[in-house]
C-alpha atoms as a PDB file:
ATOM      1  CA  MET A   1      86.654  82.682 109.665  1.00  0.00           C
ATOM      2  CA  ASN A   2      87.249  79.633 111.114  1.00  0.00           C
ATOM      3  CA  GLY A   3      83.771  82.819 105.236  1.00  0.00           C
ATOM      4  CA  SER A   4      84.341  82.741 102.681  1.00  0.00           C
ATOM      5  CA  PRO A   5      84.942  84.268 101.151  1.00  0.00           C
ATOM      6  CA  THR A   6      82.964  86.084 103.681  1.00  0.00           C
ATOM      7  CA  ASP A   7      82.427  88.917 101.234  1.00  0.00           C
ATOM      8  CA  GLY A   8      81.930  86.619  98.251  1.00  0.00           C
ATOM      9  CA  VAL A   9      79.703  83.667  97.439  1.00  0.00           C
ATOM     10  CA  SER A  10      80.592  81.600 100.491  1.00  0.00           C
ATOM     11  CA  GLY A  11      81.514  81.972 104.128  1.00  0.00           C
ATOM     12  CA  GLU A  12      83.118  80.403 107.164  1.00  0.00           C
ATOM     13  CA  PRO A  13      80.410  80.541 109.761  1.00  0.00           C
ATOM     14  CA  PRO A  14      80.820  79.286 113.268  1.00  0.00           C
ATOM     15  CA  ARG A  15      80.047  75.612 113.587  1.00  0.00           C
ATOM     16  CA  GLY A  16      76.345  74.983 114.149  1.00  0.00           C
ATOM     17  CA  ALA A  17      76.472  71.756 116.170  1.00  0.00           C
ATOM     18  CA  VAL A  18      77.449  73.322 119.488  1.00  0.00           C
ATOM     19  CA  ALA A  19      77.024  76.921 120.581  1.00  0.00           C
ATOM     20  CA  ARG A  20      79.424  78.179 123.244  1.00  0.00           C
ATOM     21  CA  ASP A  21      76.548  79.774 125.084  1.00  0.00           C
ATOM     22  CA  GLY A  22      74.486  76.601 124.918  1.00  0.00           C
ATOM     23  CA  GLY A  23      71.773  78.374 122.913  1.00  0.00           C
ATOM     24  CA  PRO A  24      70.069  77.310 119.703  1.00  0.00           C
ATOM     25  CA  THR A  25      72.116  77.018 116.553  1.00  0.00           C
ATOM     26  CA  SER A  26      71.333  77.218 112.835  1.00  0.00           C
ATOM     27  CA  THR A  27      72.656  75.483 109.764  1.00  0.00           C
ATOM     28  CA  ALA A  28      75.811  76.622 108.041  1.00  0.00           C
ATOM     29  CA  ALA A  29      73.891  77.515 104.884  1.00  0.00           C
ATOM     30  CA  LEU A  30      71.584  79.890 106.758  1.00  0.00           C
ATOM     31  CA  ARG A  31      74.429  81.542 108.650  1.00  0.00           C
ATOM     32  CA  ILE A  32      76.471  82.046 105.498  1.00  0.00           C
ATOM     33  CA  PHE A  33      73.493  83.580 103.737  1.00  0.00           C
ATOM     34  CA  LEU A  34      72.866  85.980 106.630  1.00  0.00           C
ATOM     35  CA  TYR A  35      76.538  87.000 106.797  1.00  0.00           C
ATOM     36  CA  ASN A  36      76.753  87.552 103.037  1.00  0.00           C
ATOM     37  CA  TRP A  37      73.186  88.354 102.043  1.00  0.00           C
ATOM     38  CA  PRO A  38      74.016  91.404  99.851  1.00  0.00           C
ATOM     39  CA  THR A  39      76.249  89.292  97.608  1.00  0.00           C
ATOM     40  CA  TYR A  40      73.752  86.455  97.378  1.00  0.00           C
ATOM     41  CA  LEU A  41      70.828  88.754  96.555  1.00  0.00           C
ATOM     42  CA  VAL A  42      72.816  90.601  93.892  1.00  0.00           C
ATOM     43  CA  THR A  43      74.037  87.307  92.381  1.00  0.00           C
ATOM     44  CA  TRP A  44      70.571  85.755  92.287  1.00  0.00           C
ATOM     45  CA  SER A  45      68.950  88.935  90.948  1.00  0.00           C
ATOM     46  CA  LEU A  46      71.479  89.309  88.135  1.00  0.00           C
ATOM     47  CA  ALA A  47      71.186  85.620  87.274  1.00  0.00           C
ATOM     48  CA  LEU A  48      67.400  85.852  86.982  1.00  0.00           C
ATOM     49  CA  VAL A  49      67.596  89.080  84.954  1.00  0.00           C
ATOM     50  CA  ALA A  50      70.123  87.469  82.606  1.00  0.00           C
ATOM     51  CA  MET A  51      67.979  84.386  82.061  1.00  0.00           C
ATOM     52  CA  GLY A  52      64.903  86.538  81.534  1.00  0.00           C
ATOM     53  CA  ALA A  53      66.712  88.795  79.067  1.00  0.00           C
ATOM     54  CA  ALA A  54      67.893  85.741  77.153  1.00  0.00           C
ATOM     55  CA  LEU A  55      64.310  85.078  76.079  1.00  0.00           C
ATOM     56  CA  LYS A  56      64.388  88.205  73.898  1.00  0.00           C
ATOM     57  CA  LEU A  57      67.808  87.666  72.322  1.00  0.00           C
ATOM     58  CA  PRO A  58      68.938  85.765  69.216  1.00  0.00           C
ATOM     59  CA  PHE A  59      69.771  82.146  69.999  1.00  0.00           C
ATOM     60  CA  LEU A  60      73.570  82.430  70.261  1.00  0.00           C
ATOM     61  CA  TYR A  61      73.464  85.513  72.468  1.00  0.00           C
ATOM     62  CA  ALA A  62      70.643  84.013  74.489  1.00  0.00           C
ATOM     63  CA  PHE A  63      72.647  80.845  75.094  1.00  0.00           C
ATOM     64  CA  VAL A  64      75.689  82.778  76.334  1.00  0.00           C
ATOM     65  CA  VAL A  65      73.691  85.125  78.587  1.00  0.00           C
ATOM     66  CA  ALA A  66      71.471  82.378  80.002  1.00  0.00           C
ATOM     67  CA  SER A  67      74.470  80.111  80.598  1.00  0.00           C
ATOM     68  CA  GLY A  68      76.256  82.875  82.499  1.00  0.00           C
ATOM     69  CA  GLY A  69      73.242  83.418  84.717  1.00  0.00           C
ATOM     70  CA  ALA A  70      72.794  79.703  85.318  1.00  0.00           C
ATOM     71  CA  ILE A  71      76.461  79.233  86.226  1.00  0.00           C
ATOM     72  CA  ALA A  72      76.351  82.129  88.702  1.00  0.00           C
ATOM     73  CA  LEU A  73      73.209  80.714  90.294  1.00  0.00           C
ATOM     74  CA  ALA A  74      74.664  77.197  90.449  1.00  0.00           C
ATOM     75  CA  TRP A  75      77.927  78.387  92.018  1.00  0.00           C
ATOM     76  CA  SER A  76      76.094  80.315  94.732  1.00  0.00           C
ATOM     77  CA  LEU A  77      73.985  77.274  95.604  1.00  0.00           C
ATOM     78  CA  ALA A  78      77.035  74.984  95.467  1.00  0.00           C
ATOM     79  CA  SER A  79      78.816  77.234  97.965  1.00  0.00           C
ATOM     80  CA  LEU A  80      75.951  76.796 100.428  1.00  0.00           C
ATOM     81  CA  ALA A  81      75.856  73.020  99.925  1.00  0.00           C
ATOM     82  CA  VAL A  82      79.612  72.570 100.353  1.00  0.00           C
ATOM     83  CA  SER A  83      79.681  74.817 103.401  1.00  0.00           C
ATOM     84  CA  THR A  84      76.846  72.863 105.002  1.00  0.00           C
ATOM     85  CA  TYR A  85      78.924  69.715 104.647  1.00  0.00           C
ATOM     86  CA  VAL A  86      82.180  71.302 105.813  1.00  0.00           C
ATOM     87  CA  TYR A  87      80.830  73.128 108.865  1.00  0.00           C
ATOM     88  CA  ASP A  88      77.936  70.884 109.919  1.00  0.00           C
ATOM     89  CA  ARG A  89      78.770  67.337 108.855  1.00  0.00           C
ATOM     90  CA  SER A  90      82.477  66.836 108.123  1.00  0.00           C
ATOM     91  CA  PRO A  91      85.259  65.617 110.466  1.00  0.00           C
ATOM     92  CA  LEU A  92      86.179  69.287 110.934  1.00  0.00           C
ATOM     93  CA  VAL A  93      83.328  69.697 113.401  1.00  0.00           C
ATOM     94  CA  ALA A  94      84.602  67.527 116.263  1.00  0.00           C
ATOM     95  CA  GLY A  95      88.272  68.520 116.042  1.00  0.00           C
ATOM     96  CA  ARG A  96      89.567  65.006 116.726  1.00  0.00           C
ATOM     97  CA  TRP A  97      91.860  65.286 113.692  1.00  0.00           C
ATOM     98  CA  LEU A  98      94.005  67.668 115.752  1.00  0.00           C
ATOM     99  CA  LEU A  99      95.395  64.702 117.678  1.00  0.00           C
ATOM    100  CA  GLY A 100      94.792  61.926 115.169  1.00  0.00           C
ATOM    101  CA  GLU A 101      96.902  63.585 112.479  1.00  0.00           C
ATOM    102  CA  ALA A 102      99.798  64.527 114.789  1.00  0.00           C
ATOM    103  CA  LEU A 103      99.283  68.223 114.135  1.00  0.00           C
ATOM    104  CA  VAL A 104      99.924  69.274 117.739  1.00  0.00           C
ATOM    105  CA  PRO A 105     102.950  68.478 119.923  1.00  0.00           C
ATOM    106  CA  ALA A 106     103.007  65.164 121.787  1.00  0.00           C
ATOM    107  CA  ARG A 107     102.526  67.024 125.061  1.00  0.00           C
ATOM    108  CA  VAL A 108     100.118  69.954 125.251  1.00  0.00           C
ATOM    109  CA  THR A 109      99.656  71.656 128.610  1.00  0.00           C
ATOM    110  CA  GLU A 110      98.561  75.163 127.571  1.00  0.00           C
ATOM    111  CA  TRP A 111      97.048  76.315 124.320  1.00  0.00           C
ATOM    112  CA  ALA A 112      95.245  79.288 122.776  1.00  0.00           C
ATOM    113  CA  THR A 113      93.000  80.101 119.828  1.00  0.00           C
ATOM    114  CA  VAL A 114      92.996  83.162 117.589  1.00  0.00           C
ATOM    115  CA  HIS A 115      89.746  84.275 115.966  1.00  0.00           C
ATOM    116  CA  ALA A 116      87.856  87.276 114.596  1.00  0.00           C
ATOM    117  CA  GLY A 117      84.722  86.811 116.673  1.00  0.00           C
ATOM    118  CA  LEU A 118      83.603  83.468 115.255  1.00  0.00           C
ATOM    119  CA  ASP A 119      85.692  80.995 117.215  1.00  0.00           C
ATOM    120  CA  ALA A 120      83.542  77.848 117.147  1.00  0.00           C
ATOM    121  CA  GLU A 121      84.545  76.367 113.781  1.00  0.00           C
ATOM    122  CA  VAL A 122      86.776  73.812 115.510  1.00  0.00           C
ATOM    123  CA  ASN A 123      85.832  72.374 118.885  1.00  0.00           C
ATOM    124  CA  SER A 124      89.358  72.680 120.262  1.00  0.00           C
ATOM    125  CA  ALA A 125      88.294  72.366 123.892  1.00  0.00           C
ATOM    126  CA  ALA A 126      86.859  68.900 123.281  1.00  0.00           C
ATOM    127  CA  ALA A 127      89.871  67.719 121.277  1.00  0.00           C
ATOM    128  CA  LEU A 128      92.920  69.116 123.068  1.00  0.00           C
ATOM    129  CA  PRO A 129      94.336  68.162 126.442  1.00  0.00           C
ATOM    130  CA  GLY A 130      95.646  70.816 128.800  1.00  0.00           C
ATOM    131  CA  ARG A 131      94.247  74.270 129.502  1.00  0.00           C
ATOM    132  CA  CYS A 132      93.069  77.006 127.175  1.00  0.00           C
ATOM    133  CA  VAL A 133      94.915  80.123 128.330  1.00  0.00           C
ATOM    134  CA  ALA A 134      93.301  82.579 125.901  1.00  0.00           C
ATOM    135  CA  ARG A 135      90.891  83.082 123.037  1.00  0.00           C
ATOM    136  CA  LEU A 136      92.364  86.043 121.228  1.00  0.00           C
ATOM    137  CA  ASP A 137      89.883  88.140 119.235  1.00  0.00           C
ATOM    138  CA  ILE A 138      91.850  90.022 116.559  1.00  0.00           C
ATOM    139  CA  TYR A 139      88.922  91.632 114.767  1.00  0.00           C
ATOM    140  CA  GLU A 140      89.733  95.069 113.336  1.00  0.00           C
ATOM    141  CA  ARG A 141      87.121  96.690 111.126  1.00  0.00           C
ATOM    142  CA  ALA A 142      89.714  98.475 108.992  1.00  0.00           C
ATOM    143  CA  LEU A 143      91.556  95.242 108.163  1.00  0.00           C
ATOM    144  CA  MET A 144      88.641  92.887 107.505  1.00  0.00           C
ATOM    145  CA  THR A 145      85.644  92.598 105.206  1.00  0.00           C
ATOM    146  CA  PRO A 146      82.159  93.991 106.033  1.00  0.00           C
ATOM    147  CA  SER A 147      80.679  90.503 106.260  1.00  0.00           C
ATOM    148  CA  ILE A 148      82.765  89.846 109.386  1.00  0.00           C
ATOM    149  CA  ALA A 149      81.063  92.791 111.093  1.00  0.00           C
ATOM    150  CA  ARG A 150      77.646  91.385 110.101  1.00  0.00           C
ATOM    151  CA  ALA A 151      78.617  87.961 111.374  1.00  0.00           C
ATOM    152  CA  ARG A 152      79.712  89.344 114.739  1.00  0.00           C
ATOM    153  CA  LEU A 153      76.372  91.103 115.158  1.00  0.00           C
ATOM    154  CA  LEU A 154      74.402  87.973 114.317  1.00  0.00           C
ATOM    155  CA  THR A 155      76.438  85.445 116.298  1.00  0.00           C
ATOM    156  CA  PRO A 156      75.662  84.966 120.013  1.00  0.00           C
ATOM    157  CA  HIS A 157      78.832  85.242 122.040  1.00  0.00           C
ATOM    158  CA  ALA A 158      79.152  83.919 125.565  1.00  0.00           C
ATOM    159  CA  ASP A 159      81.264  85.725 128.124  1.00  0.00           C
ATOM    160  CA  ASP A 160      84.357  83.673 128.776  1.00  0.00           C
ATOM    161  CA  ALA A 161      87.126  84.263 131.269  1.00  0.00           C
ATOM    162  CA  VAL A 162      89.777  83.468 128.663  1.00  0.00           C
ATOM    163  CA  ASP A 163      88.425  85.807 125.963  1.00  0.00           C
ATOM    164  CA  ARG A 164      90.862  88.632 125.263  1.00  0.00           C
ATOM    165  CA  PRO A 165      90.592  91.520 122.818  1.00  0.00           C
ATOM    166  CA  SER A 166      93.758  91.678 120.783  1.00  0.00           C
ATOM    167  CA  THR A 167      95.193  92.747 117.451  1.00  0.00           C
ATOM    168  CA  ALA A 168      96.992  90.845 114.731  1.00  0.00           C
ATOM    169  CA  GLN A 169     100.087  93.003 115.267  1.00  0.00           C
ATOM    170  CA  ALA A 170     100.143  92.617 119.067  1.00  0.00           C
ATOM    171  CA  LEU A 171      98.657  89.435 120.509  1.00  0.00           C
ATOM    172  CA  SER A 172      97.757  89.872 124.168  1.00  0.00           C
ATOM    173  CA  LEU A 173      99.836  87.014 125.556  1.00  0.00           C
ATOM    174  CA  ALA A 174     103.326  86.974 127.029  1.00  0.00           C
ATOM    175  CA  ASP A 175     106.281  85.446 125.226  1.00  0.00           C
ATOM    176  CA  ASP A 176     106.472  81.634 125.276  1.00  0.00           C
ATOM    177  CA  SER A 177     102.939  81.240 126.660  1.00  0.00           C
ATOM    178  CA  CYS A 178     101.609  78.239 124.720  1.00  0.00           C
ATOM    179  CA  ASP A 179     102.409  74.804 123.379  1.00  0.00           C
ATOM    180  CA  THR A 180      99.815  75.183 120.622  1.00  0.00           C
ATOM    181  CA  VAL A 181      97.902  78.012 118.941  1.00  0.00           C
ATOM    182  CA  ILE A 182      94.864  77.188 116.791  1.00  0.00           C
ATOM    183  CA  VAL A 183      94.131  79.704 114.012  1.00  0.00           C
ATOM    184  CA  ALA A 184      91.011  78.490 112.198  1.00  0.00           C
ATOM    185  CA  PHE A 185      89.550  80.372 109.209  1.00  0.00           C
ATOM    186  CA  THR A 186      90.877  83.677 110.535  1.00  0.00           C
ATOM    187  CA  ALA A 187      94.309  84.467 109.111  1.00  0.00           C
ATOM    188  CA  HIS A 188      93.027  84.993 105.547  1.00  0.00           C
ATOM    189  CA  GLU A 189      90.708  87.710 106.857  1.00  0.00           C
ATOM    190  CA  ILE A 190      93.810  89.839 107.453  1.00  0.00           C
ATOM    191  CA  ARG A 191      93.828  91.395 104.006  1.00  0.00           C
ATOM    192  CA  ASP A 192      97.017  93.440 104.386  1.00  0.00           C
ATOM    193  CA  ARG A 193     100.180  91.507 103.446  1.00  0.00           C
ATOM    194  CA  ARG A 194     102.431  93.348 105.898  1.00  0.00           C
ATOM    195  CA  VAL A 195      99.987  92.871 108.774  1.00  0.00           C
ATOM    196  CA  ARG A 196      99.887  89.139 108.018  1.00  0.00           C
ATOM    197  CA  GLU A 197     103.671  89.045 108.327  1.00  0.00           C
ATOM    198  CA  LEU A 198     103.520  90.791 111.691  1.00  0.00           C
ATOM    199  CA  PHE A 199     100.784  88.397 112.790  1.00  0.00           C
ATOM    200  CA  PHE A 200     102.930  85.352 112.070  1.00  0.00           C
ATOM    201  CA  LEU A 201     105.829  86.905 113.978  1.00  0.00           C
ATOM    202  CA  GLU A 202     103.455  87.358 116.915  1.00  0.00           C
ATOM    203  CA  LEU A 203     102.378  83.725 116.697  1.00  0.00           C
ATOM    204  CA  ARG A 204     106.017  82.694 116.943  1.00  0.00           C
ATOM    205  CA  ARG A 205     106.541  85.000 119.926  1.00  0.00           C
ATOM    206  CA  ILE A 206     103.750  83.502 122.047  1.00  0.00           C
ATOM    207  CA  LEU A 207     104.765  79.910 121.243  1.00  0.00           C
ATOM    208  CA  ARG A 208     107.219  77.958 123.351  1.00  0.00           C
ATOM    209  CA  THR A 209     110.133  76.327 121.548  1.00  0.00           C
ATOM    210  CA  GLY A 210     108.799  73.119 120.030  1.00  0.00           C
ATOM    211  CA  GLY A 211     105.261  74.491 120.091  1.00  0.00           C
ATOM    212  CA  ARG A 212     103.074  74.613 117.027  1.00  0.00           C
ATOM    213  CA  VAL A 213     100.645  76.854 115.214  1.00  0.00           C
ATOM    214  CA  VAL A 214      97.819  74.848 113.630  1.00  0.00           C
ATOM    215  CA  LEU A 215      96.536  76.874 110.684  1.00  0.00           C
ATOM    216  CA  VAL A 216      93.144  75.793 109.297  1.00  0.00           C
ATOM    217  CA  GLU A 217      92.134  77.395 105.998  1.00  0.00           C
ATOM    218  CA  HIS A 218      90.430  77.077 102.665  1.00  0.00           C
ATOM    219  CA  LEU A 219      92.968  77.514  99.866  1.00  0.00           C
ATOM    220  CA  ARG A 220      92.954  79.339  96.575  1.00  0.00           C
ATOM    221  CA  ASP A 221      92.949  76.065  94.624  1.00  0.00           C
ATOM    222  CA  PHE A 222      90.803  74.066  92.214  1.00  0.00           C
ATOM    223  CA  PRO A 223      88.493  72.325  94.753  1.00  0.00           C
ATOM    224  CA  ASN A 224      87.588  75.693  96.273  1.00  0.00           C
ATOM    225  CA  PHE A 225      87.194  77.272  92.837  1.00  0.00           C
ATOM    226  CA  ALA A 226      84.792  74.464  91.895  1.00  0.00           C
ATOM    227  CA  ALA A 227      82.789  75.029  95.083  1.00  0.00           C
ATOM    228  CA  PHE A 228      82.883  78.811  95.436  1.00  0.00           C
ATOM    229  CA  GLY A 229      83.563  80.130  91.950  1.00  0.00           C
ATOM    230  CA  PRO A 230      85.311  83.507  91.729  1.00  0.00           C
ATOM    231  CA  GLY A 231      84.830  83.858  95.479  1.00  0.00           C
ATOM    232  CA  PHE A 232      87.825  81.555  95.968  1.00  0.00           C
ATOM    233  CA  PHE A 233      90.038  84.602  95.350  1.00  0.00           C
ATOM    234  CA  HIS A 234      89.176  85.650  98.903  1.00  0.00           C
ATOM    235  CA  PHE A 235      91.294  82.726 100.108  1.00  0.00           C
ATOM    236  CA  LEU A 236      95.073  82.669  99.970  1.00  0.00           C
ATOM    237  CA  ALA A 237      97.297  80.247  98.093  1.00  0.00           C
ATOM    238  CA  ARG A 238      99.221  77.544  99.918  1.00  0.00           C
ATOM    239  CA  SER A 239     102.439  79.222  98.782  1.00  0.00           C
ATOM    240  CA  GLU A 240     101.485  82.370 100.713  1.00  0.00           C
ATOM    241  CA  TRP A 241     101.065  80.427 103.958  1.00  0.00           C
ATOM    242  CA  LEU A 242     104.449  78.784 103.423  1.00  0.00           C
ATOM    243  CA  ARG A 243     106.006  82.191 102.716  1.00  0.00           C
ATOM    244  CA  LEU A 244     104.583  83.582 105.943  1.00  0.00           C
ATOM    245  CA  ALA A 245     105.850  80.568 107.874  1.00  0.00           C
ATOM    246  CA  ALA A 246     109.351  81.046 106.481  1.00  0.00           C
ATOM    247  CA  HIS A 247     109.206  84.764 107.275  1.00  0.00           C
ATOM    248  CA  ALA A 248     108.454  83.954 110.923  1.00  0.00           C
ATOM    249  CA  GLU A 249     110.931  81.036 111.044  1.00  0.00           C
ATOM    250  CA  LEU A 250     108.171  78.509 111.635  1.00  0.00           C
ATOM    251  CA  THR A 251     108.820  75.061 110.173  1.00  0.00           C
ATOM    252  CA  PRO A 252     106.031  73.115 108.408  1.00  0.00           C
ATOM    253  CA  VAL A 253     105.939  69.685 110.086  1.00  0.00           C
ATOM    254  CA  ALA A 254     102.525  68.277 109.121  1.00  0.00           C
ATOM    255  CA  GLU A 255      99.795  68.991 106.603  1.00  0.00           C
ATOM    256  CA  VAL A 256      96.432  67.302 106.099  1.00  0.00           C
ATOM    257  CA  ARG A 257      93.263  67.825 104.117  1.00  0.00           C
ATOM    258  CA  ILE A 258      90.393  67.653 106.589  1.00  0.00           C
ATOM    259  CA  THR A 259      88.008  67.832 103.632  1.00  0.00           C
ATOM    260  CA  PRO A 260      88.759  68.429  99.940  1.00  0.00           C
ATOM    261  CA  TRP A 261      88.205  72.137 100.642  1.00  0.00           C
ATOM    262  CA  VAL A 262      89.997  72.638 103.970  1.00  0.00           C
ATOM    263  CA  MET A 263      93.693  72.306 104.818  1.00  0.00           C
ATOM    264  CA  ALA A 264      95.317  72.061 108.248  1.00  0.00           C
ATOM    265  CA  LEU A 265      98.993  73.012 108.389  1.00  0.00           C
ATOM    266  CA  ALA A 266     101.162  72.570 111.500  1.00  0.00           C
ATOM    267  CA  LEU A 267     104.048  75.032 111.875  1.00  0.00           C
ATOM    268  CA  GLU A 268     106.629  74.404 114.591  1.00  0.00           C
ATOM    269  CA  LYS A 269     108.757  76.923 116.446  1.00  0.00           C
ATOM    270  CA  SER A 270     112.389  75.900 116.428  1.00  0.00           C
ATOM    271  CA  PRO A 271     115.255  77.830 118.025  1.00  0.00           C
ATOM    272  CA  ARG A 272     116.322  80.848 115.992  1.00  0.00           C
ATOM    273  CA  GLY A 273     118.501  79.800 113.073  1.00  0.00           C
ATOM    274  CA  ALA A 274     117.545  76.132 113.359  1.00  0.00           C
ATOM    275  CA  GLN A 275     114.954  76.143 110.562  1.00  0.00           C
ATOM    276  CA  PRO A 276     116.156  74.051 107.582  1.00  0.00           C
END
């Protein structure tokens, strides 16, 4: 969520093009700022203080201090610019890559999404065939960052018959319920390693054999470091997602970069013991 880091110098806001309640929307940059305003204000204030202080320092010290302030300011603005592209203008918005990149099974009759209250990053309903059986809201204040709570307060949420409160450790669907589960910008918000492992076991449980989890995430890699600066530590490395997949006996079958900053990884449920 699908920020982010939602408690750093970026965020994963809900997509602004279409609101589920049909109401007005705002740009990604504005939503990210509102979700993470304490971090942005502190960053900008410190950057301005540093550049102001540099005026009274010897040249070498002034150069170092002013450069640090300028870099912090530039990174914060870059995070807003990149997020505006990713969430408002990139191919991510429409969700057509779900089918075009063979990330979901050939036949999808029932599918679900998992989110933390901001479930409009990917327009799954417009892209996937079949029926959405549940939108599982796994938000838990104790497990997630404060910016998620701010985002939930600021984001209009329409009542929906398929919305279900849930937890990462106990998804509120029966075994073998879905052909596909979309988890967009949400799994990295589960900050506890053991809870993430339980979450992936739950994803396997609700999938039918041959079904797939489609995981959509920023990664802790160079493109995200360039865009978000130190805030990229809020994301998880690709190796961690592969570890979690192996732990839950989910097989990676497809991987694409939707943008330079966003990965989609398809993980398939095979019979127990069949994973290579």
